[in-house]
Amino acid sequence: DPYSRLQRLFQQEAIRRGGTVQIQRGQPLA
């Protein structure tokens, strides 16, 4: 599940840098 992995690692890195990120999934644009 590469999307979940990306989301988890992105949020963990944001917390490590003192912030938080709320991630929402969207469809690719044309």
PDB file of all heavy atoms in Angstrom:
ATOM      1  N   ASP A   1       0.849  -1.187   0.000  1.00  0.00           N
ATOM      2  CA  ASP A   1       0.000   0.000   0.000  1.00  0.00           C
ATOM      3  C   ASP A   1       0.886   1.238   0.000  1.00  0.00           C
ATOM      4  O   ASP A   1       1.132   1.850   1.044  1.00  0.00           O
ATOM      5  CB  ASP A   1      -0.918   0.009   1.226  1.00  0.00           C
ATOM      6  CG  ASP A   1      -2.005   1.086   1.144  1.00  0.00           C
ATOM      7  OD1 ASP A   1      -1.858   2.019   0.332  1.00  0.00           O
ATOM      8  OD2 ASP A   1      -2.991   0.997   1.905  1.00  0.00           O
ATOM      9  N   PRO A   2       1.403   1.621  -1.175  1.00  0.00           N
ATOM     10  CA  PRO A   2       2.353   2.741  -1.233  1.00  0.00           C
ATOM     11  C   PRO A   2       1.762   4.068  -0.799  1.00  0.00           C
ATOM     12  O   PRO A   2       2.475   4.910  -0.253  1.00  0.00           O
ATOM     13  CB  PRO A   2       2.778   2.766  -2.701  1.00  0.00           C
ATOM     14  CG  PRO A   2       1.705   2.028  -3.428  1.00  0.00           C
ATOM     15  CD  PRO A   2       1.183   1.010  -2.490  1.00  0.00           C
ATOM     16  N   TYR A   3       0.457   4.290  -1.016  1.00  0.00           N
ATOM     17  CA  TYR A   3      -0.140   5.559  -0.588  1.00  0.00           C
ATOM     18  C   TYR A   3      -0.089   5.678   0.928  1.00  0.00           C
ATOM     19  O   TYR A   3       0.296   6.727   1.463  1.00  0.00           O
ATOM     20  CB  TYR A   3      -1.575   5.671  -1.087  1.00  0.00           C
ATOM     21  CG  TYR A   3      -2.292   6.876  -0.499  1.00  0.00           C
ATOM     22  CD1 TYR A   3      -2.034   8.150  -0.993  1.00  0.00           C
ATOM     23  CD2 TYR A   3      -3.168   6.738   0.570  1.00  0.00           C
ATOM     24  CE1 TYR A   3      -2.656   9.269  -0.443  1.00  0.00           C
ATOM     25  CE2 TYR A   3      -3.785   7.845   1.127  1.00  0.00           C
ATOM     26  CZ  TYR A   3      -3.532   9.102   0.614  1.00  0.00           C
ATOM     27  OH  TYR A   3      -4.137  10.210   1.174  1.00  0.00           O
ATOM     28  N   SER A   4      -0.472   4.637   1.645  1.00  0.00           N
ATOM     29  CA  SER A   4      -0.449   4.682   3.109  1.00  0.00           C
ATOM     30  C   SER A   4       0.966   4.871   3.633  1.00  0.00           C
ATOM     31  O   SER A   4       1.191   5.582   4.615  1.00  0.00           O
ATOM     32  CB  SER A   4      -1.059   3.404   3.690  1.00  0.00           C
ATOM     33  OG  SER A   4      -2.434   3.311   3.369  1.00  0.00           O
ATOM     34  N   ARG A   5       1.926   4.235   2.973  1.00  0.00           N
ATOM     35  CA  ARG A   5       3.318   4.404   3.389  1.00  0.00           C
ATOM     36  C   ARG A   5       3.766   5.844   3.207  1.00  0.00           C
ATOM     37  O   ARG A   5       4.393   6.435   4.100  1.00  0.00           O
ATOM     38  CB  ARG A   5       4.209   3.466   2.574  1.00  0.00           C
ATOM     39  CG  ARG A   5       5.705   3.600   2.904  1.00  0.00           C
ATOM     40  CD  ARG A   5       6.528   2.860   1.882  1.00  0.00           C
ATOM     41  NE  ARG A   5       7.952   2.963   2.165  1.00  0.00           N
ATOM     42  CZ  ARG A   5       8.902   2.998   1.245  1.00  0.00           C
ATOM     43  NH1 ARG A   5       8.572   2.942  -0.052  1.00  0.00           N
ATOM     44  NH2 ARG A   5      10.180   3.085   1.568  1.00  0.00           N
ATOM     45  N   LEU A   6       3.462   6.433   2.055  1.00  0.00           N
ATOM     46  CA  LEU A   6       3.821   7.830   1.812  1.00  0.00           C
ATOM     47  C   LEU A   6       3.172   8.738   2.847  1.00  0.00           C
ATOM     48  O   LEU A   6       3.833   9.630   3.412  1.00  0.00           O
ATOM     49  CB  LEU A   6       3.378   8.233   0.406  1.00  0.00           C
ATOM     50  CG  LEU A   6       3.596   9.707   0.040  1.00  0.00           C
ATOM     51  CD1 LEU A   6       5.068   9.961  -0.250  1.00  0.00           C
ATOM     52  CD2 LEU A   6       2.754  10.102  -1.166  1.00  0.00           C
ATOM     53  N   GLN A   7       1.907   8.535   3.112  1.00  0.00           N
ATOM     54  CA  GLN A   7       1.192   9.355   4.095  1.00  0.00           C
ATOM     55  C   GLN A   7       1.843   9.246   5.467  1.00  0.00           C
ATOM     56  O   GLN A   7       2.091  10.260   6.144  1.00  0.00           O
ATOM     57  CB  GLN A   7      -0.269   8.911   4.153  1.00  0.00           C
ATOM     58  CG  GLN A   7      -1.130   9.720   5.123  1.00  0.00           C
ATOM     59  CD  GLN A   7      -2.538   9.153   5.210  1.00  0.00           C
ATOM     60  OE1 GLN A   7      -2.721   7.938   5.379  1.00  0.00           O
ATOM     61  NE2 GLN A   7      -3.543  10.007   5.084  1.00  0.00           N
ATOM     62  N   ARG A   8       2.132   8.025   5.890  1.00  0.00           N
ATOM     63  CA  ARG A   8       2.720   7.808   7.217  1.00  0.00           C
ATOM     64  C   ARG A   8       4.097   8.469   7.330  1.00  0.00           C
ATOM     65  O   ARG A   8       4.382   9.178   8.308  1.00  0.00           O
ATOM     66  CB  ARG A   8       2.840   6.306   7.480  1.00  0.00           C
ATOM     67  CG  ARG A   8       3.395   5.978   8.873  1.00  0.00           C
ATOM     68  CD  ARG A   8       3.494   4.484   9.104  1.00  0.00           C
ATOM     69  NE  ARG A   8       4.535   3.851   8.303  1.00  0.00           N
ATOM     70  CZ  ARG A   8       4.342   3.152   7.200  1.00  0.00           C
ATOM     71  NH1 ARG A   8       3.118   2.967   6.740  1.00  0.00           N
ATOM     72  NH2 ARG A   8       5.355   2.627   6.542  1.00  0.00           N
ATOM     73  N   LEU A   9       4.956   8.251   6.336  1.00  0.00           N
ATOM     74  CA  LEU A   9       6.304   8.810   6.403  1.00  0.00           C
ATOM     75  C   LEU A   9       6.288  10.330   6.309  1.00  0.00           C
ATOM     76  O   LEU A   9       7.101  11.010   6.951  1.00  0.00           O
ATOM     77  CB  LEU A   9       7.162   8.209   5.285  1.00  0.00           C
ATOM     78  CG  LEU A   9       7.460   6.713   5.402  1.00  0.00           C
ATOM     79  CD1 LEU A   9       8.266   6.227   4.203  1.00  0.00           C
ATOM     80  CD2 LEU A   9       8.217   6.413   6.693  1.00  0.00           C
ATOM     81  N   PHE A  10       5.383  10.873   5.509  1.00  0.00           N
ATOM     82  CA  PHE A  10       5.272  12.328   5.380  1.00  0.00           C
ATOM     83  C   PHE A  10       4.876  12.940   6.717  1.00  0.00           C
ATOM     84  O   PHE A  10       5.476  13.927   7.180  1.00  0.00           O
ATOM     85  CB  PHE A  10       4.231  12.669   4.305  1.00  0.00           C
ATOM     86  CG  PHE A  10       4.414  14.013   3.668  1.00  0.00           C
ATOM     87  CD1 PHE A  10       4.945  14.141   2.402  1.00  0.00           C
ATOM     88  CD2 PHE A  10       4.039  15.183   4.345  1.00  0.00           C
ATOM     89  CE1 PHE A  10       5.113  15.385   1.803  1.00  0.00           C
ATOM     90  CE2 PHE A  10       4.194  16.426   3.756  1.00  0.00           C
ATOM     91  CZ  PHE A  10       4.741  16.541   2.480  1.00  0.00           C
ATOM     92  N   GLN A  11       3.867  12.364   7.362  1.00  0.00           N
ATOM     93  CA  GLN A  11       3.405  12.894   8.647  1.00  0.00           C
ATOM     94  C   GLN A  11       4.455  12.725   9.739  1.00  0.00           C
ATOM     95  O   GLN A  11       4.649  13.617  10.574  1.00  0.00           O
ATOM     96  CB  GLN A  11       2.090  12.216   9.034  1.00  0.00           C
ATOM     97  CG  GLN A  11       0.926  12.629   8.141  1.00  0.00           C
ATOM     98  CD  GLN A  11      -0.340  11.839   8.398  1.00  0.00           C
ATOM     99  OE1 GLN A  11      -0.287  10.688   8.817  1.00  0.00           O
ATOM    100  NE2 GLN A  11      -1.489  12.452   8.118  1.00  0.00           N
ATOM    101  N   GLN A  12       5.157  11.602   9.747  1.00  0.00           N
ATOM    102  CA  GLN A  12       6.210  11.392  10.748  1.00  0.00           C
ATOM    103  C   GLN A  12       7.326  12.417  10.589  1.00  0.00           C
ATOM    104  O   GLN A  12       7.844  12.943  11.579  1.00  0.00           O
ATOM    105  CB  GLN A  12       6.770   9.972  10.611  1.00  0.00           C
ATOM    106  CG  GLN A  12       5.837   8.877  11.094  1.00  0.00           C
ATOM    107  CD  GLN A  12       6.398   7.483  10.861  1.00  0.00           C
ATOM    108  OE1 GLN A  12       7.424   7.307  10.194  1.00  0.00           O
ATOM    109  NE2 GLN A  12       5.731   6.478  11.413  1.00  0.00           N
ATOM    110  N   GLU A  13       7.699  12.691   9.359  1.00  0.00           N
ATOM    111  CA  GLU A  13       8.761  13.677   9.124  1.00  0.00           C
ATOM    112  C   GLU A  13       8.301  15.078   9.517  1.00  0.00           C
ATOM    113  O   GLU A  13       9.086  15.867  10.057  1.00  0.00           O
ATOM    114  CB  GLU A  13       9.178  13.642   7.652  1.00  0.00           C
ATOM    115  CG  GLU A  13      10.289  14.605   7.275  1.00  0.00           C
ATOM    116  CD  GLU A  13      11.599  14.315   7.982  1.00  0.00           C
ATOM    117  OE1 GLU A  13      11.778  13.182   8.488  1.00  0.00           O
ATOM    118  OE2 GLU A  13      12.462  15.229   8.019  1.00  0.00           O
ATOM    119  N   ALA A  14       7.024  15.397   9.265  1.00  0.00           N
ATOM    120  CA  ALA A  14       6.506  16.706   9.668  1.00  0.00           C
ATOM    121  C   ALA A  14       6.554  16.858  11.188  1.00  0.00           C
ATOM    122  O   ALA A  14       6.955  17.912  11.703  1.00  0.00           O
ATOM    123  CB  ALA A  14       5.070  16.867   9.163  1.00  0.00           C
ATOM    124  N   ILE A  15       6.154  15.823  11.919  1.00  0.00           N
ATOM    125  CA  ILE A  15       6.195  15.872  13.388  1.00  0.00           C
ATOM    126  C   ILE A  15       7.633  16.035  13.865  1.00  0.00           C
ATOM    127  O   ILE A  15       7.918  16.807  14.802  1.00  0.00           O
ATOM    128  CB  ILE A  15       5.556  14.597  13.978  1.00  0.00           C
ATOM    129  CG1 ILE A  15       4.052  14.588  13.688  1.00  0.00           C
ATOM    130  CG2 ILE A  15       5.822  14.488  15.473  1.00  0.00           C
ATOM    131  CD1 ILE A  15       3.368  13.290  14.043  1.00  0.00           C
ATOM    132  N   ARG A  16       8.566  15.331  13.222  1.00  0.00           N
ATOM    133  CA  ARG A  16       9.973  15.438  13.608  1.00  0.00           C
ATOM    134  C   ARG A  16      10.495  16.859  13.443  1.00  0.00           C
ATOM    135  O   ARG A  16      11.380  17.306  14.176  1.00  0.00           O
ATOM    136  CB  ARG A  16      10.806  14.474  12.767  1.00  0.00           C
ATOM    137  CG  ARG A  16      12.249  14.303  13.241  1.00  0.00           C
ATOM    138  CD  ARG A  16      12.972  13.278  12.388  1.00  0.00           C
ATOM    139  NE  ARG A  16      13.311  13.786  11.076  1.00  0.00           N
ATOM    140  CZ  ARG A  16      14.411  14.491  10.805  1.00  0.00           C
ATOM    141  NH1 ARG A  16      15.257  14.809  11.778  1.00  0.00           N
ATOM    142  NH2 ARG A  16      14.650  14.891   9.582  1.00  0.00           N
ATOM    143  N   ARG A  17       9.903  17.588  12.497  1.00  0.00           N
ATOM    144  CA  ARG A  17      10.336  18.956  12.240  1.00  0.00           C
ATOM    145  C   ARG A  17       9.469  19.983  12.972  1.00  0.00           C
ATOM    146  O   ARG A  17       9.566  21.174  12.714  1.00  0.00           O
ATOM    147  CB  ARG A  17      10.331  19.237  10.736  1.00  0.00           C
ATOM    148  CG  ARG A  17      11.386  18.435   9.991  1.00  0.00           C
ATOM    149  CD  ARG A  17      11.430  18.785   8.521  1.00  0.00           C
ATOM    150  NE  ARG A  17      12.491  18.058   7.842  1.00  0.00           N
ATOM    151  CZ  ARG A  17      13.770  18.443   7.778  1.00  0.00           C
ATOM    152  NH1 ARG A  17      14.141  19.562   8.385  1.00  0.00           N
ATOM    153  NH2 ARG A  17      14.667  17.716   7.144  1.00  0.00           N
ATOM    154  N   GLY A  18       8.613  19.508  13.862  1.00  0.00           N
ATOM    155  CA  GLY A  18       7.849  20.420  14.700  1.00  0.00           C
ATOM    156  C   GLY A  18       6.544  20.899  14.125  1.00  0.00           C
ATOM    157  O   GLY A  18       5.979  21.893  14.597  1.00  0.00           O
ATOM    158  N   GLY A  19       6.021  20.239  13.104  1.00  0.00           N
ATOM    159  CA  GLY A  19       4.750  20.634  12.500  1.00  0.00           C
ATOM    160  C   GLY A  19       3.838  19.437  12.334  1.00  0.00           C
ATOM    161  O   GLY A  19       4.175  18.308  12.714  1.00  0.00           O
ATOM    162  N   THR A  20       2.686  19.658  11.778  1.00  0.00           N
ATOM    163  CA  THR A  20       1.761  18.576  11.452  1.00  0.00           C
ATOM    164  C   THR A  20       1.191  18.812  10.058  1.00  0.00           C
ATOM    165  O   THR A  20       1.065  19.955   9.612  1.00  0.00           O
ATOM    166  CB  THR A  20       0.590  18.489  12.451  1.00  0.00           C
ATOM    167  OG1 THR A  20      -0.108  19.739  12.461  1.00  0.00           O
ATOM    168  CG2 THR A  20       1.097  18.162  13.853  1.00  0.00           C
ATOM    169  N   VAL A  21       0.865  17.703   9.389  1.00  0.00           N
ATOM    170  CA  VAL A  21       0.307  17.770   8.047  1.00  0.00           C
ATOM    171  C   VAL A  21      -0.930  16.889   7.990  1.00  0.00           C
ATOM    172  O   VAL A  21      -0.878  15.716   8.366  1.00  0.00           O
ATOM    173  CB  VAL A  21       1.326  17.312   6.987  1.00  0.00           C
ATOM    174  CG1 VAL A  21       0.688  17.319   5.595  1.00  0.00           C
ATOM    175  CG2 VAL A  21       2.560  18.200   6.992  1.00  0.00           C
ATOM    176  N   GLN A  22      -2.023  17.470   7.546  1.00  0.00           N
ATOM    177  CA  GLN A  22      -3.234  16.693   7.293  1.00  0.00           C
ATOM    178  C   GLN A  22      -3.269  16.364   5.802  1.00  0.00           C
ATOM    179  O   GLN A  22      -3.291  17.260   4.965  1.00  0.00           O
ATOM    180  CB  GLN A  22      -4.480  17.485   7.679  1.00  0.00           C
ATOM    181  CG  GLN A  22      -4.593  17.777   9.168  1.00  0.00           C
ATOM    182  CD  GLN A  22      -5.878  18.515   9.506  1.00  0.00           C
ATOM    183  OE1 GLN A  22      -6.829  18.513   8.716  1.00  0.00           O
ATOM    184  NE2 GLN A  22      -5.902  19.154  10.660  1.00  0.00           N
ATOM    185  N   ILE A  23      -3.260  15.052   5.500  1.00  0.00           N
ATOM    186  CA  ILE A  23      -3.183  14.615   4.105  1.00  0.00           C
ATOM    187  C   ILE A  23      -4.529  14.076   3.652  1.00  0.00           C
ATOM    188  O   ILE A  23      -5.156  13.261   4.312  1.00  0.00           O
ATOM    189  CB  ILE A  23      -2.086  13.541   3.943  1.00  0.00           C
ATOM    190  CG1 ILE A  23      -0.718  14.143   4.278  1.00  0.00           C
ATOM    191  CG2 ILE A  23      -2.089  12.984   2.517  1.00  0.00           C
ATOM    192  CD1 ILE A  23       0.430  13.164   4.176  1.00  0.00           C
ATOM    193  N   GLN A  24      -4.950  14.567   2.498  1.00  0.00           N
ATOM    194  CA  GLN A  24      -6.176  14.096   1.860  1.00  0.00           C
ATOM    195  C   GLN A  24      -5.824  13.527   0.505  1.00  0.00           C
ATOM    196  O   GLN A  24      -4.972  14.069  -0.213  1.00  0.00           O
ATOM    197  CB  GLN A  24      -7.177  15.246   1.703  1.00  0.00           C
ATOM    198  CG  GLN A  24      -8.477  14.847   1.037  1.00  0.00           C
ATOM    199  CD  GLN A  24      -9.413  16.042   0.857  1.00  0.00           C
ATOM    200  OE1 GLN A  24      -9.087  17.154   1.256  1.00  0.00           O
ATOM    201  NE2 GLN A  24     -10.555  15.807   0.233  1.00  0.00           N
ATOM    202  N   ARG A  25      -6.459  12.441   0.142  1.00  0.00           N
ATOM    203  CA  ARG A  25      -6.169  11.802  -1.134  1.00  0.00           C
ATOM    204  C   ARG A  25      -7.070  12.358  -2.218  1.00  0.00           C
ATOM    205  O   ARG A  25      -8.265  12.571  -2.003  1.00  0.00           O
ATOM    206  CB  ARG A  25      -6.372  10.293  -1.020  1.00  0.00           C
ATOM    207  CG  ARG A  25      -5.988   9.534  -2.279  1.00  0.00           C
ATOM    208  CD  ARG A  25      -6.008   8.051  -2.009  1.00  0.00           C
ATOM    209  NE  ARG A  25      -5.637   7.288  -3.180  1.00  0.00           N
ATOM    210  CZ  ARG A  25      -5.412   5.984  -3.164  1.00  0.00           C
ATOM    211  NH1 ARG A  25      -5.520   5.314  -2.028  1.00  0.00           N
ATOM    212  NH2 ARG A  25      -5.087   5.348  -4.265  1.00  0.00           N
ATOM    213  N   GLY A  26      -6.500  12.597  -3.399  1.00  0.00           N
ATOM    214  CA  GLY A  26      -7.268  13.090  -4.528  1.00  0.00           C
ATOM    215  C   GLY A  26      -6.913  12.352  -5.800  1.00  0.00           C
ATOM    216  O   GLY A  26      -5.861  11.707  -5.891  1.00  0.00           O
ATOM    217  N   GLN A  27      -7.767  12.447  -6.795  1.00  0.00           N
ATOM    218  CA  GLN A  27      -7.515  11.823  -8.085  1.00  0.00           C
ATOM    219  C   GLN A  27      -6.507  12.662  -8.873  1.00  0.00           C
ATOM    220  O   GLN A  27      -6.482  13.886  -8.779  1.00  0.00           O
ATOM    221  CB  GLN A  27      -8.816  11.700  -8.877  1.00  0.00           C
ATOM    222  CG  GLN A  27      -9.829  10.750  -8.260  1.00  0.00           C
ATOM    223  CD  GLN A  27      -9.334   9.319  -8.249  1.00  0.00           C
ATOM    224  OE1 GLN A  27      -8.733   8.850  -9.205  1.00  0.00           O
ATOM    225  NE2 GLN A  27      -9.581   8.629  -7.146  1.00  0.00           N
ATOM    226  N   PRO A  28      -5.651  12.014  -9.656  1.00  0.00           N
ATOM    227  CA  PRO A  28      -4.719  12.762 -10.507  1.00  0.00           C
ATOM    228  C   PRO A  28      -5.473  13.659 -11.475  1.00  0.00           C
ATOM    229  O   PRO A  28      -6.583  13.336 -11.913  1.00  0.00           O
ATOM    230  CB  PRO A  28      -3.957  11.661 -11.252  1.00  0.00           C
ATOM    231  CG  PRO A  28      -4.113  10.452 -10.399  1.00  0.00           C
ATOM    232  CD  PRO A  28      -5.473  10.565  -9.774  1.00  0.00           C
ATOM    233  N   LEU A  29      -4.872  14.792 -11.800  1.00  0.00           N
ATOM    234  CA  LEU A  29      -5.475  15.727 -12.734  1.00  0.00           C
ATOM    235  C   LEU A  29      -5.118  15.363 -14.158  1.00  0.00           C
ATOM    236  O   LEU A  29      -4.069  14.766 -14.422  1.00  0.00           O
ATOM    237  CB  LEU A  29      -5.006  17.150 -12.421  1.00  0.00           C
ATOM    238  CG  LEU A  29      -5.349  17.682 -11.021  1.00  0.00           C
ATOM    239  CD1 LEU A  29      -4.703  19.038 -10.822  1.00  0.00           C
ATOM    240  CD2 LEU A  29      -6.857  17.764 -10.843  1.00  0.00           C
ATOM    241  N   ALA A  30      -5.981  15.726 -15.080  1.00  0.00           N
ATOM    242  CA  ALA A  30      -5.732  15.441 -16.490  1.00  0.00           C
ATOM    243  C   ALA A  30      -4.652  16.357 -17.063  1.00  0.00           C
ATOM    244  O   ALA A  30      -4.038  16.037 -18.065  1.00  0.00           O
ATOM    245  CB  ALA A  30      -7.021  15.603 -17.289  1.00  0.00           C
TER     246      ALA A  30
END
